[in-house]
Amino acid sequence: MNGDEQLLRGRVYGHDHDDPDPGPRPGQTYAHLVGGPLDGLLLDVTGWTPDEMAGGAALPTELGQFPGGRALYEPRTDGPRAPGPGVTCRFYHCGDSP
């Protein structure tokens, strides 16, 4: 694991890198992002409906195949639950979009 990967692990997507507490917050629900440019980050899915969860996420990032594009993640019903506070599911990388 390189330094950039270590920096991302356990952080919540969208929190600033200099946030004094970039980790999960009590009372929130998270999806663990697996693979791709955002591997290891947590996505706050608090309040998402089952339909929204089933649709996955297209997350803006500078780290993917298309800088300034989106990293695409989708849920899998066969995947194991990710450990961690508030983590209820995993979203797996399925591609990048410009």
N, C-alpha and C. Protein backbone atom coordinates (compact mmCIF):
# COMPACT_ATOMS: atom_id res chain seq x y z
N MET A 1 0.85 -1.17 0.00
CA MET A 1 0.00 0.00 0.00
C MET A 1 0.90 1.24 0.00
N ASN A 2 0.67 2.16 -0.97
CA ASN A 2 1.49 3.37 -1.00
C ASN A 2 0.91 4.43 -0.07
N GLY A 3 1.59 5.56 0.03
CA GLY A 3 1.17 6.61 0.95
C GLY A 3 -0.19 7.19 0.63
N ASP A 4 -0.51 7.34 -0.67
CA ASP A 4 -1.82 7.86 -1.06
C ASP A 4 -2.93 6.91 -0.64
N GLU A 5 -2.71 5.60 -0.83
CA GLU A 5 -3.72 4.62 -0.43
C GLU A 5 -3.92 4.64 1.08
N GLN A 6 -2.84 4.76 1.82
CA GLN A 6 -2.92 4.80 3.28
C GLN A 6 -3.71 6.02 3.73
N LEU A 7 -3.53 7.14 3.03
CA LEU A 7 -4.22 8.38 3.38
C LEU A 7 -5.73 8.23 3.25
N LEU A 8 -6.20 7.45 2.25
CA LEU A 8 -7.62 7.32 2.00
C LEU A 8 -8.34 6.35 2.94
N ARG A 9 -7.68 5.33 3.44
CA ARG A 9 -8.33 4.28 4.23
C ARG A 9 -9.04 4.85 5.45
N GLY A 10 -10.30 4.45 5.61
CA GLY A 10 -11.07 4.83 6.79
C GLY A 10 -11.63 6.24 6.75
N ARG A 11 -11.38 6.98 5.69
CA ARG A 11 -11.91 8.33 5.57
C ARG A 11 -13.26 8.29 4.89
N VAL A 12 -14.02 9.34 5.09
CA VAL A 12 -15.33 9.45 4.46
C VAL A 12 -15.19 10.28 3.19
N TYR A 13 -15.70 9.74 2.08
CA TYR A 13 -15.68 10.45 0.81
C TYR A 13 -16.33 11.82 0.98
N GLY A 14 -15.66 12.84 0.47
CA GLY A 14 -16.19 14.20 0.53
C GLY A 14 -15.66 15.01 1.69
N HIS A 15 -15.08 14.37 2.70
CA HIS A 15 -14.48 15.14 3.79
C HIS A 15 -13.13 15.68 3.32
N ASP A 16 -12.80 16.88 3.75
CA ASP A 16 -11.54 17.49 3.37
C ASP A 16 -10.36 16.72 3.95
N HIS A 17 -9.25 16.73 3.21
CA HIS A 17 -8.05 16.02 3.66
C HIS A 17 -7.51 16.60 4.96
N ASP A 18 -7.75 17.89 5.20
CA ASP A 18 -7.24 18.50 6.43
C ASP A 18 -8.31 18.55 7.53
N ASP A 19 -9.43 17.89 7.32
CA ASP A 19 -10.48 17.80 8.35
C ASP A 19 -9.87 17.11 9.56
N PRO A 20 -10.00 17.69 10.75
CA PRO A 20 -9.40 17.06 11.94
C PRO A 20 -10.00 15.69 12.27
N ASP A 21 -11.21 15.42 11.78
CA ASP A 21 -11.83 14.11 12.02
C ASP A 21 -12.48 13.64 10.71
N PRO A 22 -11.67 13.09 9.78
CA PRO A 22 -12.21 12.69 8.47
C PRO A 22 -12.88 11.32 8.48
N GLY A 23 -12.97 10.69 9.64
CA GLY A 23 -13.52 9.36 9.74
C GLY A 23 -15.03 9.35 9.91
N PRO A 24 -15.60 8.17 10.11
CA PRO A 24 -17.04 8.04 10.26
C PRO A 24 -17.56 8.76 11.50
N ARG A 25 -18.79 9.22 11.41
CA ARG A 25 -19.42 9.96 12.50
C ARG A 25 -20.54 9.12 13.11
N PRO A 26 -20.74 9.22 14.41
CA PRO A 26 -21.81 8.46 15.07
C PRO A 26 -23.17 8.81 14.46
N GLY A 27 -24.02 7.79 14.33
CA GLY A 27 -25.36 8.00 13.83
C GLY A 27 -25.49 8.02 12.32
N GLN A 28 -24.37 7.93 11.61
CA GLN A 28 -24.39 7.92 10.15
C GLN A 28 -24.27 6.48 9.65
N THR A 29 -24.70 6.25 8.41
CA THR A 29 -24.62 4.94 7.78
C THR A 29 -23.71 5.05 6.57
N TYR A 30 -22.83 4.03 6.39
CA TYR A 30 -21.82 4.11 5.33
C TYR A 30 -21.78 2.86 4.47
N ALA A 31 -21.37 3.08 3.21
CA ALA A 31 -21.01 1.99 2.31
C ALA A 31 -19.49 2.04 2.18
N HIS A 32 -18.85 0.89 2.26
CA HIS A 32 -17.41 0.79 2.10
C HIS A 32 -17.11 0.67 0.61
N LEU A 33 -16.28 1.55 0.05
CA LEU A 33 -15.94 1.52 -1.37
C LEU A 33 -14.78 0.54 -1.59
N VAL A 34 -14.98 -0.38 -2.53
CA VAL A 34 -14.01 -1.46 -2.77
C VAL A 34 -13.50 -1.35 -4.21
N GLY A 35 -12.18 -1.27 -4.36
CA GLY A 35 -11.55 -1.20 -5.67
C GLY A 35 -11.59 0.21 -6.25
N GLY A 36 -10.92 0.35 -7.38
CA GLY A 36 -10.92 1.63 -8.08
C GLY A 36 -10.17 2.72 -7.35
N PRO A 37 -10.33 3.95 -7.81
CA PRO A 37 -9.55 5.06 -7.26
C PRO A 37 -9.94 5.47 -5.85
N LEU A 38 -11.11 5.09 -5.40
CA LEU A 38 -11.57 5.50 -4.07
C LEU A 38 -11.58 4.33 -3.08
N ASP A 39 -10.84 3.28 -3.41
CA ASP A 39 -10.77 2.08 -2.57
C ASP A 39 -10.44 2.44 -1.13
N GLY A 40 -11.24 1.91 -0.23
CA GLY A 40 -10.99 2.12 1.20
C GLY A 40 -11.77 3.27 1.80
N LEU A 41 -12.31 4.17 0.97
CA LEU A 41 -13.12 5.26 1.51
C LEU A 41 -14.49 4.76 1.93
N LEU A 42 -15.14 5.52 2.77
CA LEU A 42 -16.51 5.26 3.17
C LEU A 42 -17.40 6.30 2.52
N LEU A 43 -18.55 5.87 2.02
CA LEU A 43 -19.52 6.77 1.41
C LEU A 43 -20.71 6.89 2.35
N ASP A 44 -21.05 8.10 2.74
CA ASP A 44 -22.19 8.33 3.63
C ASP A 44 -23.48 8.08 2.84
N VAL A 45 -24.23 7.05 3.24
CA VAL A 45 -25.49 6.71 2.57
C VAL A 45 -26.67 6.89 3.53
N THR A 46 -26.47 7.67 4.56
CA THR A 46 -27.53 7.94 5.52
C THR A 46 -28.75 8.50 4.80
N GLY A 47 -29.89 7.89 5.02
CA GLY A 47 -31.12 8.38 4.43
C GLY A 47 -31.39 7.94 3.00
N TRP A 48 -30.46 7.17 2.41
CA TRP A 48 -30.70 6.69 1.04
C TRP A 48 -31.84 5.68 1.06
N THR A 49 -32.67 5.73 0.04
CA THR A 49 -33.76 4.77 -0.11
C THR A 49 -33.19 3.46 -0.67
N PRO A 50 -33.93 2.36 -0.57
CA PRO A 50 -33.46 1.12 -1.19
C PRO A 50 -33.19 1.26 -2.69
N ASP A 51 -34.02 2.05 -3.39
CA ASP A 51 -33.79 2.28 -4.82
C ASP A 51 -32.49 3.03 -5.07
N GLU A 52 -32.22 4.03 -4.25
CA GLU A 52 -30.96 4.78 -4.39
C GLU A 52 -29.76 3.87 -4.11
N MET A 53 -29.88 3.03 -3.10
CA MET A 53 -28.79 2.10 -2.78
C MET A 53 -28.56 1.14 -3.94
N ALA A 54 -29.63 0.64 -4.54
CA ALA A 54 -29.53 -0.30 -5.65
C ALA A 54 -28.89 0.34 -6.87
N GLY A 55 -29.03 1.65 -7.01
CA GLY A 55 -28.47 2.36 -8.15
C GLY A 55 -26.98 2.63 -8.04
N GLY A 56 -26.40 2.43 -6.86
CA GLY A 56 -24.97 2.68 -6.70
C GLY A 56 -24.66 4.16 -6.70
N ALA A 57 -23.43 4.49 -7.07
CA ALA A 57 -23.00 5.88 -7.00
C ALA A 57 -22.00 6.21 -8.11
N ALA A 58 -22.11 7.41 -8.64
CA ALA A 58 -21.15 7.95 -9.60
C ALA A 58 -20.49 9.14 -8.90
N LEU A 59 -19.27 8.94 -8.42
CA LEU A 59 -18.63 9.89 -7.51
C LEU A 59 -17.55 10.72 -8.22
N PRO A 60 -17.71 12.04 -8.22
CA PRO A 60 -16.68 12.90 -8.83
C PRO A 60 -15.33 12.68 -8.15
N THR A 61 -14.28 12.58 -8.98
CA THR A 61 -12.93 12.41 -8.44
C THR A 61 -11.88 12.81 -9.45
N GLU A 62 -10.76 13.25 -8.96
CA GLU A 62 -9.59 13.54 -9.80
C GLU A 62 -8.69 12.32 -9.92
N LEU A 63 -9.01 11.24 -9.21
CA LEU A 63 -8.12 10.09 -9.10
C LEU A 63 -8.38 8.98 -10.11
N GLY A 64 -9.46 9.03 -10.85
CA GLY A 64 -9.83 7.94 -11.74
C GLY A 64 -9.15 7.99 -13.09
N GLN A 65 -9.63 7.16 -13.99
CA GLN A 65 -9.10 7.09 -15.35
C GLN A 65 -9.27 8.42 -16.08
N PHE A 66 -10.33 9.15 -15.73
CA PHE A 66 -10.63 10.44 -16.35
C PHE A 66 -10.60 11.52 -15.27
N PRO A 67 -9.45 12.19 -15.06
CA PRO A 67 -9.39 13.25 -14.04
C PRO A 67 -10.52 14.25 -14.24
N GLY A 68 -11.24 14.53 -13.17
CA GLY A 68 -12.39 15.40 -13.25
C GLY A 68 -13.66 14.64 -13.60
N GLY A 69 -13.55 13.34 -13.82
CA GLY A 69 -14.70 12.50 -14.16
C GLY A 69 -15.30 11.88 -12.92
N ARG A 70 -15.89 10.71 -13.10
CA ARG A 70 -16.57 10.03 -12.00
C ARG A 70 -16.11 8.58 -11.89
N ALA A 71 -15.98 8.13 -10.67
CA ALA A 71 -15.72 6.72 -10.40
C ALA A 71 -17.08 6.08 -10.12
N LEU A 72 -17.37 4.98 -10.80
CA LEU A 72 -18.67 4.33 -10.69
C LEU A 72 -18.60 3.14 -9.74
N TYR A 73 -19.54 3.09 -8.81
CA TYR A 73 -19.60 2.02 -7.81
C TYR A 73 -21.01 1.46 -7.76
N GLU A 74 -21.10 0.12 -7.56
CA GLU A 74 -22.40 -0.53 -7.47
C GLU A 74 -22.40 -1.54 -6.32
N PRO A 75 -23.58 -1.75 -5.73
CA PRO A 75 -23.66 -2.73 -4.65
C PRO A 75 -23.68 -4.14 -5.22
N ARG A 76 -23.30 -5.09 -4.41
CA ARG A 76 -23.44 -6.51 -4.74
C ARG A 76 -24.09 -7.18 -3.54
N THR A 77 -25.11 -7.95 -3.81
CA THR A 77 -25.80 -8.60 -2.71
C THR A 77 -25.00 -9.77 -2.16
N ASP A 78 -24.05 -10.29 -2.93
CA ASP A 78 -23.28 -11.45 -2.47
C ASP A 78 -22.02 -11.07 -1.71
N GLY A 79 -21.72 -9.79 -1.63
CA GLY A 79 -20.49 -9.36 -0.97
C GLY A 79 -20.61 -9.40 0.54
N PRO A 80 -19.50 -9.64 1.23
CA PRO A 80 -19.54 -9.64 2.70
C PRO A 80 -19.72 -8.22 3.24
N ARG A 81 -20.23 -8.13 4.41
CA ARG A 81 -20.39 -6.83 5.07
C ARG A 81 -19.01 -6.34 5.50
N ALA A 82 -18.78 -5.07 5.27
CA ALA A 82 -17.49 -4.48 5.65
C ALA A 82 -17.50 -4.16 7.14
N PRO A 83 -16.40 -4.43 7.82
CA PRO A 83 -16.34 -4.10 9.25
C PRO A 83 -16.18 -2.60 9.45
N GLY A 84 -16.66 -2.13 10.55
CA GLY A 84 -16.46 -0.74 10.91
C GLY A 84 -17.73 -0.11 11.44
N PRO A 85 -17.59 0.98 12.17
CA PRO A 85 -18.75 1.63 12.76
C PRO A 85 -19.67 2.20 11.69
N GLY A 86 -20.94 1.80 11.71
CA GLY A 86 -21.92 2.35 10.80
C GLY A 86 -21.87 1.81 9.38
N VAL A 87 -20.95 0.90 9.08
CA VAL A 87 -20.82 0.38 7.71
C VAL A 87 -21.82 -0.75 7.52
N THR A 88 -22.71 -0.58 6.54
CA THR A 88 -23.78 -1.54 6.33
C THR A 88 -23.64 -2.35 5.06
N CYS A 89 -22.79 -1.90 4.13
CA CYS A 89 -22.66 -2.61 2.86
C CYS A 89 -21.36 -2.21 2.17
N ARG A 90 -21.11 -2.86 1.04
CA ARG A 90 -19.97 -2.51 0.20
C ARG A 90 -20.47 -2.11 -1.17
N PHE A 91 -19.82 -1.11 -1.76
CA PHE A 91 -20.04 -0.72 -3.16
C PHE A 91 -18.74 -1.04 -3.88
N TYR A 92 -18.84 -1.76 -5.00
CA TYR A 92 -17.67 -2.21 -5.75
C TYR A 92 -17.46 -1.36 -6.99
N HIS A 93 -16.20 -1.04 -7.27
CA HIS A 93 -15.86 -0.25 -8.45
C HIS A 93 -16.26 -1.02 -9.70
N CYS A 94 -16.94 -0.36 -10.62
CA CYS A 94 -17.36 -1.01 -11.87
C CYS A 94 -16.97 -0.20 -13.09
N GLY A 95 -16.16 0.84 -12.91
CA GLY A 95 -15.69 1.61 -14.06
C GLY A 95 -15.52 3.07 -13.74
N ASP A 96 -15.10 3.82 -14.75
CA ASP A 96 -14.92 5.26 -14.64
C ASP A 96 -15.62 5.92 -15.81
N SER A 97 -16.02 7.17 -15.62
CA SER A 97 -16.74 7.90 -16.64
C SER A 97 -16.14 9.30 -16.76
N PRO A 98 -16.05 9.83 -17.99
CA PRO A 98 -15.51 11.19 -18.14
C PRO A 98 -16.41 12.24 -17.49
